[in-house]
Amino acid sequence: LVQPGGSLRLSCAASRITFSTYTMGWYRQVPGKQREL
């Protein structure tokens, strides 16, 4: 939870893949809507 104007840092730790060969991404989704890039 953060106030408007604030900051957050998300991290994603990957395992069991050759990480360097993948395009990595972040997507988001709200209820009732499609997941978006």
PDB file of all heavy atoms in Angstrom:
ATOM      1  N   LEU A   1       0.842  -1.189   0.000  1.00  0.00           N
ATOM      2  CA  LEU A   1       0.000   0.000   0.000  1.00  0.00           C
ATOM      3  C   LEU A   1       0.879   1.242   0.000  1.00  0.00           C
ATOM      4  O   LEU A   1       1.829   1.338   0.799  1.00  0.00           O
ATOM      5  CB  LEU A   1      -0.890  -0.009   1.249  1.00  0.00           C
ATOM      6  CG  LEU A   1      -1.761   1.225   1.498  1.00  0.00           C
ATOM      7  CD1 LEU A   1      -2.790   1.379   0.391  1.00  0.00           C
ATOM      8  CD2 LEU A   1      -2.427   1.118   2.861  1.00  0.00           C
ATOM      9  N   VAL A   2       0.581   2.172  -0.879  1.00  0.00           N
ATOM     10  CA  VAL A   2       1.377   3.396  -0.977  1.00  0.00           C
ATOM     11  C   VAL A   2       0.449   4.557  -1.288  1.00  0.00           C
ATOM     12  O   VAL A   2      -0.601   4.377  -1.928  1.00  0.00           O
ATOM     13  CB  VAL A   2       2.468   3.239  -2.055  1.00  0.00           C
ATOM     14  CG1 VAL A   2       1.862   3.045  -3.440  1.00  0.00           C
ATOM     15  CG2 VAL A   2       3.440   4.404  -2.039  1.00  0.00           C
ATOM     16  N   GLN A   3       0.815   5.731  -0.837  1.00  0.00           N
ATOM     17  CA  GLN A   3       0.025   6.930  -1.118  1.00  0.00           C
ATOM     18  C   GLN A   3       0.308   7.433  -2.529  1.00  0.00           C
ATOM     19  O   GLN A   3       1.392   7.176  -3.078  1.00  0.00           O
ATOM     20  CB  GLN A   3       0.350   8.018  -0.103  1.00  0.00           C
ATOM     21  CG  GLN A   3      -0.130   7.699   1.313  1.00  0.00           C
ATOM     22  CD  GLN A   3       0.076   8.864   2.265  1.00  0.00           C
ATOM     23  OE1 GLN A   3       0.890   9.751   2.009  1.00  0.00           O
ATOM     24  NE2 GLN A   3      -0.667   8.865   3.355  1.00  0.00           N
ATOM     25  N   PRO A   4      -0.620   8.164  -3.101  1.00  0.00           N
ATOM     26  CA  PRO A   4      -0.361   8.775  -4.410  1.00  0.00           C
ATOM     27  C   PRO A   4       0.900   9.620  -4.360  1.00  0.00           C
ATOM     28  O   PRO A   4       1.148  10.335  -3.386  1.00  0.00           O
ATOM     29  CB  PRO A   4      -1.594   9.634  -4.651  1.00  0.00           C
ATOM     30  CG  PRO A   4      -2.662   8.993  -3.850  1.00  0.00           C
ATOM     31  CD  PRO A   4      -1.991   8.448  -2.620  1.00  0.00           C
ATOM     32  N   GLY A   5       1.697   9.511  -5.414  1.00  0.00           N
ATOM     33  CA  GLY A   5       2.965  10.213  -5.466  1.00  0.00           C
ATOM     34  C   GLY A   5       4.127   9.437  -4.888  1.00  0.00           C
ATOM     35  O   GLY A   5       5.289   9.840  -5.043  1.00  0.00           O
ATOM     36  N   GLY A   6       3.827   8.345  -4.222  1.00  0.00           N
ATOM     37  CA  GLY A   6       4.868   7.538  -3.610  1.00  0.00           C
ATOM     38  C   GLY A   6       5.548   6.588  -4.575  1.00  0.00           C
ATOM     39  O   GLY A   6       5.262   6.595  -5.788  1.00  0.00           O
ATOM     40  N   SER A   7       6.429   5.769  -4.025  1.00  0.00           N
ATOM     41  CA  SER A   7       7.219   4.842  -4.835  1.00  0.00           C
ATOM     42  C   SER A   7       7.172   3.435  -4.248  1.00  0.00           C
ATOM     43  O   SER A   7       7.012   3.264  -3.034  1.00  0.00           O
ATOM     44  CB  SER A   7       8.680   5.301  -4.897  1.00  0.00           C
ATOM     45  OG  SER A   7       8.799   6.565  -5.516  1.00  0.00           O
ATOM     46  N   LEU A   8       7.312   2.477  -5.131  1.00  0.00           N
ATOM     47  CA  LEU A   8       7.487   1.080  -4.743  1.00  0.00           C
ATOM     48  C   LEU A   8       8.454   0.447  -5.725  1.00  0.00           C
ATOM     49  O   LEU A   8       8.545   0.868  -6.880  1.00  0.00           O
ATOM     50  CB  LEU A   8       6.163   0.306  -4.801  1.00  0.00           C
ATOM     51  CG  LEU A   8       5.171   0.427  -3.648  1.00  0.00           C
ATOM     52  CD1 LEU A   8       3.906  -0.363  -3.988  1.00  0.00           C
ATOM     53  CD2 LEU A   8       5.761  -0.060  -2.349  1.00  0.00           C
ATOM     54  N   ARG A   9       9.118  -0.583  -5.247  1.00  0.00           N
ATOM     55  CA  ARG A   9       9.993  -1.356  -6.121  1.00  0.00           C
ATOM     56  C   ARG A   9       9.584  -2.813  -6.068  1.00  0.00           C
ATOM     57  O   ARG A   9       9.611  -3.435  -4.999  1.00  0.00           O
ATOM     58  CB  ARG A   9      11.465  -1.202  -5.702  1.00  0.00           C
ATOM     59  CG  ARG A   9      12.440  -1.888  -6.658  1.00  0.00           C
ATOM     60  CD  ARG A   9      13.877  -1.618  -6.245  1.00  0.00           C
ATOM     61  NE  ARG A   9      14.850  -2.235  -7.125  1.00  0.00           N
ATOM     62  CZ  ARG A   9      15.298  -1.670  -8.242  1.00  0.00           C
ATOM     63  NH1 ARG A   9      14.855  -0.472  -8.602  1.00  0.00           N
ATOM     64  NH2 ARG A   9      16.194  -2.297  -8.998  1.00  0.00           N
ATOM     65  N   LEU A  10       9.180  -3.336  -7.198  1.00  0.00           N
ATOM     66  CA  LEU A  10       8.828  -4.744  -7.313  1.00  0.00           C
ATOM     67  C   LEU A  10      10.041  -5.539  -7.796  1.00  0.00           C
ATOM     68  O   LEU A  10      10.825  -5.046  -8.614  1.00  0.00           O
ATOM     69  CB  LEU A  10       7.682  -4.948  -8.297  1.00  0.00           C
ATOM     70  CG  LEU A  10       6.408  -4.155  -8.041  1.00  0.00           C
ATOM     71  CD1 LEU A  10       5.349  -4.525  -9.092  1.00  0.00           C
ATOM     72  CD2 LEU A  10       5.882  -4.378  -6.649  1.00  0.00           C
ATOM     73  N   SER A  11      10.153  -6.748  -7.284  1.00  0.00           N
ATOM     74  CA  SER A  11      11.208  -7.648  -7.748  1.00  0.00           C
ATOM     75  C   SER A  11      10.601  -9.002  -8.097  1.00  0.00           C
ATOM     76  O   SER A  11       9.584  -9.397  -7.530  1.00  0.00           O
ATOM     77  CB  SER A  11      12.278  -7.837  -6.669  1.00  0.00           C
ATOM     78  OG  SER A  11      12.978  -6.633  -6.440  1.00  0.00           O
ATOM     79  N   CYS A  12      11.237  -9.673  -9.021  1.00  0.00           N
ATOM     80  CA  CYS A  12      10.806 -11.002  -9.436  1.00  0.00           C
ATOM     81  C   CYS A  12      12.040 -11.878  -9.537  1.00  0.00           C
ATOM     82  O   CYS A  12      12.939 -11.593 -10.338  1.00  0.00           O
ATOM     83  CB  CYS A  12      10.082 -10.938 -10.763  1.00  0.00           C
ATOM     84  SG  CYS A  12       9.716 -12.540 -11.503  1.00  0.00           S
ATOM     85  N   ALA A  13      12.058 -12.901  -8.720  1.00  0.00           N
ATOM     86  CA  ALA A  13      13.176 -13.847  -8.722  1.00  0.00           C
ATOM     87  C   ALA A  13      12.783 -15.074  -9.525  1.00  0.00           C
ATOM     88  O   ALA A  13      11.757 -15.704  -9.250  1.00  0.00           O
ATOM     89  CB  ALA A  13      13.539 -14.231  -7.304  1.00  0.00           C
ATOM     90  N   ALA A  14      13.601 -15.398 -10.506  1.00  0.00           N
ATOM     91  CA  ALA A  14      13.320 -16.536 -11.376  1.00  0.00           C
ATOM     92  C   ALA A  14      14.238 -17.699 -11.045  1.00  0.00           C
ATOM     93  O   ALA A  14      15.410 -17.502 -10.704  1.00  0.00           O
ATOM     94  CB  ALA A  14      13.515 -16.132 -12.836  1.00  0.00           C
ATOM     95  N   SER A  15      13.684 -18.884 -11.148  1.00  0.00           N
ATOM     96  CA  SER A  15      14.498 -20.080 -10.930  1.00  0.00           C
ATOM     97  C   SER A  15      14.100 -21.161 -11.931  1.00  0.00           C
ATOM     98  O   SER A  15      12.981 -21.181 -12.439  1.00  0.00           O
ATOM     99  CB  SER A  15      14.347 -20.602  -9.502  1.00  0.00           C
ATOM    100  OG  SER A  15      13.007 -20.894  -9.206  1.00  0.00           O
ATOM    101  N   ARG A  16      15.056 -22.018 -12.199  1.00  0.00           N
ATOM    102  CA  ARG A  16      14.861 -23.157 -13.102  1.00  0.00           C
ATOM    103  C   ARG A  16      14.605 -22.716 -14.542  1.00  0.00           C
ATOM    104  O   ARG A  16      13.914 -23.420 -15.288  1.00  0.00           O
ATOM    105  CB  ARG A  16      13.767 -24.098 -12.600  1.00  0.00           C
ATOM    106  CG  ARG A  16      14.058 -24.640 -11.205  1.00  0.00           C
ATOM    107  CD  ARG A  16      13.055 -25.687 -10.795  1.00  0.00           C
ATOM    108  NE  ARG A  16      13.290 -26.177  -9.449  1.00  0.00           N
ATOM    109  CZ  ARG A  16      12.706 -25.670  -8.368  1.00  0.00           C
ATOM    110  NH1 ARG A  16      11.849 -24.674  -8.488  1.00  0.00           N
ATOM    111  NH2 ARG A  16      12.964 -26.164  -7.175  1.00  0.00           N
ATOM    112  N   ILE A  17      15.107 -21.573 -14.926  1.00  0.00           N
ATOM    113  CA  ILE A  17      15.113 -21.163 -16.327  1.00  0.00           C
ATOM    114  C   ILE A  17      16.479 -20.572 -16.652  1.00  0.00           C
ATOM    115  O   ILE A  17      17.195 -20.148 -15.741  1.00  0.00           O
ATOM    116  CB  ILE A  17      14.024 -20.124 -16.681  1.00  0.00           C
ATOM    117  CG1 ILE A  17      14.217 -18.818 -15.898  1.00  0.00           C
ATOM    118  CG2 ILE A  17      12.640 -20.692 -16.465  1.00  0.00           C
ATOM    119  CD1 ILE A  17      13.299 -17.693 -16.381  1.00  0.00           C
ATOM    120  N   THR A  18      16.804 -20.569 -17.933  1.00  0.00           N
ATOM    121  CA  THR A  18      18.014 -19.889 -18.381  1.00  0.00           C
ATOM    122  C   THR A  18      17.642 -18.426 -18.533  1.00  0.00           C
ATOM    123  O   THR A  18      17.304 -17.958 -19.616  1.00  0.00           O
ATOM    124  CB  THR A  18      18.511 -20.497 -19.698  1.00  0.00           C
ATOM    125  OG1 THR A  18      18.635 -21.923 -19.554  1.00  0.00           O
ATOM    126  CG2 THR A  18      19.891 -19.931 -20.048  1.00  0.00           C
ATOM    127  N   PHE A  19      17.688 -17.725 -17.422  1.00  0.00           N
ATOM    128  CA  PHE A  19      17.122 -16.387 -17.295  1.00  0.00           C
ATOM    129  C   PHE A  19      17.584 -15.451 -18.400  1.00  0.00           C
ATOM    130  O   PHE A  19      16.777 -14.707 -18.958  1.00  0.00           O
ATOM    131  CB  PHE A  19      17.508 -15.833 -15.926  1.00  0.00           C
ATOM    132  CG  PHE A  19      16.954 -14.484 -15.611  1.00  0.00           C
ATOM    133  CD1 PHE A  19      15.660 -14.341 -15.130  1.00  0.00           C
ATOM    134  CD2 PHE A  19      17.728 -13.342 -15.768  1.00  0.00           C
ATOM    135  CE1 PHE A  19      15.146 -13.096 -14.812  1.00  0.00           C
ATOM    136  CE2 PHE A  19      17.219 -12.096 -15.468  1.00  0.00           C
ATOM    137  CZ  PHE A  19      15.933 -11.969 -14.987  1.00  0.00           C
ATOM    138  N   SER A  20      18.847 -15.484 -18.719  1.00  0.00           N
ATOM    139  CA  SER A  20      19.416 -14.514 -19.657  1.00  0.00           C
ATOM    140  C   SER A  20      18.866 -14.660 -21.074  1.00  0.00           C
ATOM    141  O   SER A  20      19.050 -13.776 -21.900  1.00  0.00           O
ATOM    142  CB  SER A  20      20.931 -14.620 -19.675  1.00  0.00           C
ATOM    143  OG  SER A  20      21.331 -15.904 -20.123  1.00  0.00           O
ATOM    144  N   THR A  21      18.189 -15.751 -21.360  1.00  0.00           N
ATOM    145  CA  THR A  21      17.673 -15.974 -22.714  1.00  0.00           C
ATOM    146  C   THR A  21      16.221 -15.542 -22.873  1.00  0.00           C
ATOM    147  O   THR A  21      15.669 -15.644 -23.972  1.00  0.00           O
ATOM    148  CB  THR A  21      17.792 -17.453 -23.119  1.00  0.00           C
ATOM    149  OG1 THR A  21      16.909 -18.245 -22.303  1.00  0.00           O
ATOM    150  CG2 THR A  21      19.218 -17.950 -22.976  1.00  0.00           C
ATOM    151  N   TYR A  22      15.621 -15.065 -21.793  1.00  0.00           N
ATOM    152  CA  TYR A  22      14.202 -14.698 -21.812  1.00  0.00           C
ATOM    153  C   TYR A  22      14.005 -13.193 -21.836  1.00  0.00           C
ATOM    154  O   TYR A  22      14.766 -12.452 -21.194  1.00  0.00           O
ATOM    155  CB  TYR A  22      13.491 -15.242 -20.577  1.00  0.00           C
ATOM    156  CG  TYR A  22      13.190 -16.716 -20.649  1.00  0.00           C
ATOM    157  CD1 TYR A  22      14.194 -17.655 -20.428  1.00  0.00           C
ATOM    158  CD2 TYR A  22      11.909 -17.170 -20.934  1.00  0.00           C
ATOM    159  CE1 TYR A  22      13.924 -19.008 -20.502  1.00  0.00           C
ATOM    160  CE2 TYR A  22      11.630 -18.521 -21.003  1.00  0.00           C
ATOM    161  CZ  TYR A  22      12.640 -19.434 -20.781  1.00  0.00           C
ATOM    162  OH  TYR A  22      12.368 -20.771 -20.850  1.00  0.00           O
ATOM    163  N   THR A  23      12.967 -12.756 -22.546  1.00  0.00           N
ATOM    164  CA  THR A  23      12.445 -11.414 -22.358  1.00  0.00           C
ATOM    165  C   THR A  23      11.619 -11.438 -21.084  1.00  0.00           C
ATOM    166  O   THR A  23      10.728 -12.285 -20.932  1.00  0.00           O
ATOM    167  CB  THR A  23      11.580 -10.985 -23.546  1.00  0.00           C
ATOM    168  OG1 THR A  23      12.412 -10.763 -24.682  1.00  0.00           O
ATOM    169  CG2 THR A  23      10.815  -9.701 -23.240  1.00  0.00           C
ATOM    170  N   MET A  24      11.923 -10.531 -20.184  1.00  0.00           N
ATOM    171  CA  MET A  24      11.202 -10.455 -18.915  1.00  0.00           C
ATOM    172  C   MET A  24      10.244  -9.276 -18.948  1.00  0.00           C
ATOM    173  O   MET A  24      10.517  -8.247 -19.589  1.00  0.00           O
ATOM    174  CB  MET A  24      12.184 -10.303 -17.755  1.00  0.00           C
ATOM    175  CG  MET A  24      13.191 -11.431 -17.642  1.00  0.00           C
ATOM    176  SD  MET A  24      12.408 -13.040 -17.424  1.00  0.00           S
ATOM    177  CE  MET A  24      11.603 -12.815 -15.832  1.00  0.00           C
ATOM    178  N   GLY A  25       9.145  -9.436 -18.254  1.00  0.00           N
ATOM    179  CA  GLY A  25       8.167  -8.362 -18.292  1.00  0.00           C
ATOM    180  C   GLY A  25       7.351  -8.248 -17.025  1.00  0.00           C
ATOM    181  O   GLY A  25       7.342  -9.155 -16.182  1.00  0.00           O
ATOM    182  N   TRP A  26       6.706  -7.121 -16.923  1.00  0.00           N
ATOM    183  CA  TRP A  26       5.721  -6.869 -15.883  1.00  0.00           C
ATOM    184  C   TRP A  26       4.401  -6.511 -16.545  1.00  0.00           C
ATOM    185  O   TRP A  26       4.359  -5.704 -17.462  1.00  0.00           O
ATOM    186  CB  TRP A  26       6.163  -5.728 -14.964  1.00  0.00           C
ATOM    187  CG  TRP A  26       7.296  -6.079 -14.063  1.00  0.00           C
ATOM    188  CD1 TRP A  26       8.624  -5.849 -14.287  1.00  0.00           C
ATOM    189  CD2 TRP A  26       7.203  -6.739 -12.803  1.00  0.00           C
ATOM    190  NE1 TRP A  26       9.371  -6.341 -13.246  1.00  0.00           N
ATOM    191  CE2 TRP A  26       8.519  -6.880 -12.307  1.00  0.00           C
ATOM    192  CE3 TRP A  26       6.151  -7.232 -12.033  1.00  0.00           C
ATOM    193  CZ2 TRP A  26       8.804  -7.482 -11.079  1.00  0.00           C
ATOM    194  CZ3 TRP A  26       6.425  -7.832 -10.824  1.00  0.00           C
ATOM    195  CH2 TRP A  26       7.744  -7.953 -10.353  1.00  0.00           C
ATOM    196  N   TYR A  27       3.355  -7.151 -16.061  1.00  0.00           N
ATOM    197  CA  TYR A  27       2.001  -6.893 -16.515  1.00  0.00           C
ATOM    198  C   TYR A  27       1.161  -6.614 -15.282  1.00  0.00           C
ATOM    199  O   TYR A  27       1.563  -6.918 -14.156  1.00  0.00           O
ATOM    200  CB  TYR A  27       1.442  -8.106 -17.276  1.00  0.00           C
ATOM    201  CG  TYR A  27       2.132  -8.368 -18.590  1.00  0.00           C
ATOM    202  CD1 TYR A  27       3.429  -8.889 -18.640  1.00  0.00           C
ATOM    203  CD2 TYR A  27       1.496  -8.095 -19.802  1.00  0.00           C
ATOM    204  CE1 TYR A  27       4.069  -9.114 -19.854  1.00  0.00           C
ATOM    205  CE2 TYR A  27       2.124  -8.325 -21.018  1.00  0.00           C
ATOM    206  CZ  TYR A  27       3.407  -8.834 -21.027  1.00  0.00           C
ATOM    207  OH  TYR A  27       4.030  -9.055 -22.230  1.00  0.00           O
ATOM    208  N   ARG A  28      -0.016  -6.042 -15.507  1.00  0.00           N
ATOM    209  CA  ARG A  28      -0.904  -5.805 -14.369  1.00  0.00           C
ATOM    210  C   ARG A  28      -2.350  -6.052 -14.768  1.00  0.00           C
ATOM    211  O   ARG A  28      -2.705  -5.987 -15.946  1.00  0.00           O
ATOM    212  CB  ARG A  28      -0.730  -4.388 -13.824  1.00  0.00           C
ATOM    213  CG  ARG A  28      -1.141  -3.278 -14.764  1.00  0.00           C
ATOM    214  CD  ARG A  28      -0.730  -1.918 -14.188  1.00  0.00           C
ATOM    215  NE  ARG A  28      -1.129  -0.808 -15.066  1.00  0.00           N
ATOM    216  CZ  ARG A  28      -0.774   0.462 -14.867  1.00  0.00           C
ATOM    217  NH1 ARG A  28      -0.005   0.781 -13.831  1.00  0.00           N
ATOM    218  NH2 ARG A  28      -1.189   1.395 -15.697  1.00  0.00           N
ATOM    219  N   GLN A  29      -3.144  -6.313 -13.756  1.00  0.00           N
ATOM    220  CA  GLN A  29      -4.548  -6.621 -14.003  1.00  0.00           C
ATOM    221  C   GLN A  29      -5.403  -6.133 -12.836  1.00  0.00           C
ATOM    222  O   GLN A  29      -5.029  -6.298 -11.673  1.00  0.00           O
ATOM    223  CB  GLN A  29      -4.737  -8.127 -14.185  1.00  0.00           C
ATOM    224  CG  GLN A  29      -6.110  -8.535 -14.653  1.00  0.00           C
ATOM    225  CD  GLN A  29      -6.168 -10.003 -15.028  1.00  0.00           C
ATOM    226  OE1 GLN A  29      -5.372 -10.816 -14.597  1.00  0.00           O
ATOM    227  NE2 GLN A  29      -7.130 -10.352 -15.890  1.00  0.00           N
ATOM    228  N   VAL A  30      -6.530  -5.531 -13.192  1.00  0.00           N
ATOM    229  CA  VAL A  30      -7.539  -5.157 -12.203  1.00  0.00           C
ATOM    230  C   VAL A  30      -8.771  -6.010 -12.454  1.00  0.00           C
ATOM    231  O   VAL A  30      -9.003  -6.454 -13.582  1.00  0.00           O
ATOM    232  CB  VAL A  30      -7.873  -3.659 -12.257  1.00  0.00           C
ATOM    233  CG1 VAL A  30      -6.640  -2.832 -11.933  1.00  0.00           C
ATOM    234  CG2 VAL A  30      -8.431  -3.265 -13.618  1.00  0.00           C
ATOM    235  N   PRO A  31      -9.574  -6.219 -11.427  1.00  0.00           N
ATOM    236  CA  PRO A  31     -10.758  -7.074 -11.597  1.00  0.00           C
ATOM    237  C   PRO A  31     -11.655  -6.576 -12.725  1.00  0.00           C
ATOM    238  O   PRO A  31     -11.921  -5.377 -12.841  1.00  0.00           O
ATOM    239  CB  PRO A  31     -11.456  -6.965 -10.242  1.00  0.00           C
ATOM    240  CG  PRO A  31     -10.360  -6.679  -9.282  1.00  0.00           C
ATOM    241  CD  PRO A  31      -9.406  -5.791 -10.027  1.00  0.00           C
ATOM    242  N   GLY A  32     -12.066  -7.502 -13.564  1.00  0.00           N
ATOM    243  CA  GLY A  32     -12.975  -7.165 -14.642  1.00  0.00           C
ATOM    244  C   GLY A  32     -12.311  -6.648 -15.895  1.00  0.00           C
ATOM    245  O   GLY A  32     -12.985  -6.354 -16.887  1.00  0.00           O
ATOM    246  N   LYS A  33     -10.987  -6.538 -15.871  1.00  0.00           N
ATOM    247  CA  LYS A  33     -10.264  -6.041 -17.041  1.00  0.00           C
ATOM    248  C   LYS A  33      -9.210  -7.048 -17.458  1.00  0.00           C
ATOM    249  O   LYS A  33      -8.780  -7.894 -16.683  1.00  0.00           O
ATOM    250  CB  LYS A  33      -9.628  -4.678 -16.744  1.00  0.00           C
ATOM    251  CG  LYS A  33     -10.615  -3.558 -16.543  1.00  0.00           C
ATOM    252  CD  LYS A  33      -9.902  -2.218 -16.496  1.00  0.00           C
ATOM    253  CE  LYS A  33     -10.886  -1.068 -16.395  1.00  0.00           C
ATOM    254  NZ  LYS A  33     -10.204   0.251 -16.392  1.00  0.00           N
ATOM    255  N   GLN A  34      -8.776  -6.908 -18.715  1.00  0.00           N
ATOM    256  CA  GLN A  34      -7.730  -7.783 -19.220  1.00  0.00           C
ATOM    257  C   GLN A  34      -6.376  -7.406 -18.631  1.00  0.00           C
ATOM    258  O   GLN A  34      -6.140  -6.242 -18.275  1.00  0.00           O
ATOM    259  CB  GLN A  34      -7.667  -7.688 -20.747  1.00  0.00           C
ATOM    260  CG  GLN A  34      -8.800  -8.395 -21.470  1.00  0.00           C
ATOM    261  CD  GLN A  34      -8.561  -8.468 -22.969  1.00  0.00           C
ATOM    262  OE1 GLN A  34      -7.922  -7.601 -23.547  1.00  0.00           O
ATOM    263  NE2 GLN A  34      -9.070  -9.514 -23.599  1.00  0.00           N
ATOM    264  N   ARG A  35      -5.525  -8.392 -18.556  1.00  0.00           N
ATOM    265  CA  ARG A  35      -4.157  -8.131 -18.130  1.00  0.00           C
ATOM    266  C   ARG A  35      -3.490  -7.241 -19.174  1.00  0.00           C
ATOM    267  O   ARG A  35      -3.643  -7.459 -20.390  1.00  0.00           O
ATOM    268  CB  ARG A  35      -3.391  -9.451 -17.988  1.00  0.00           C
ATOM    269  CG  ARG A  35      -2.066  -9.354 -17.293  1.00  0.00           C
ATOM    270  CD  ARG A  35      -1.513 -10.732 -17.008  1.00  0.00           C
ATOM    271  NE  ARG A  35      -2.353 -11.483 -16.074  1.00  0.00           N
ATOM    272  CZ  ARG A  35      -2.018 -12.660 -15.576  1.00  0.00           C
ATOM    273  NH1 ARG A  35      -0.867 -13.227 -15.917  1.00  0.00           N
ATOM    274  NH2 ARG A  35      -2.830 -13.292 -14.748  1.00  0.00           N
ATOM    275  N   GLU A  36      -2.742  -6.243 -18.716  1.00  0.00           N
ATOM    276  CA  GLU A  36      -2.106  -5.312 -19.649  1.00  0.00           C
ATOM    277  C   GLU A  36      -0.617  -5.211 -19.407  1.00  0.00           C
ATOM    278  O   GLU A  36      -0.119  -5.389 -18.283  1.00  0.00           O
ATOM    279  CB  GLU A  36      -2.735  -3.914 -19.522  1.00  0.00           C
ATOM    280  CG  GLU A  36      -2.514  -3.237 -18.200  1.00  0.00           C
ATOM    281  CD  GLU A  36      -3.052  -1.806 -18.172  1.00  0.00           C
ATOM    282  OE1 GLU A  36      -3.737  -1.389 -19.102  1.00  0.00           O
ATOM    283  OE2 GLU A  36      -2.746  -1.106 -17.183  1.00  0.00           O
ATOM    284  N   LEU A  37       0.075  -4.919 -20.496  1.00  0.00           N
ATOM    285  CA  LEU A  37       1.519  -4.743 -20.429  1.00  0.00           C
ATOM    286  C   LEU A  37       1.872  -3.505 -19.622  1.00  0.00           C
ATOM    287  O   LEU A  37       1.244  -2.453 -19.778  1.00  0.00           O
ATOM    288  CB  LEU A  37       2.075  -4.589 -21.843  1.00  0.00           C
ATOM    289  CG  LEU A  37       3.509  -4.113 -21.970  1.00  0.00           C
ATOM    290  CD1 LEU A  37       4.467  -5.236 -21.608  1.00  0.00           C
ATOM    291  CD2 LEU A  37       3.792  -3.613 -23.387  1.00  0.00           C
TER     292      LEU A  37
END
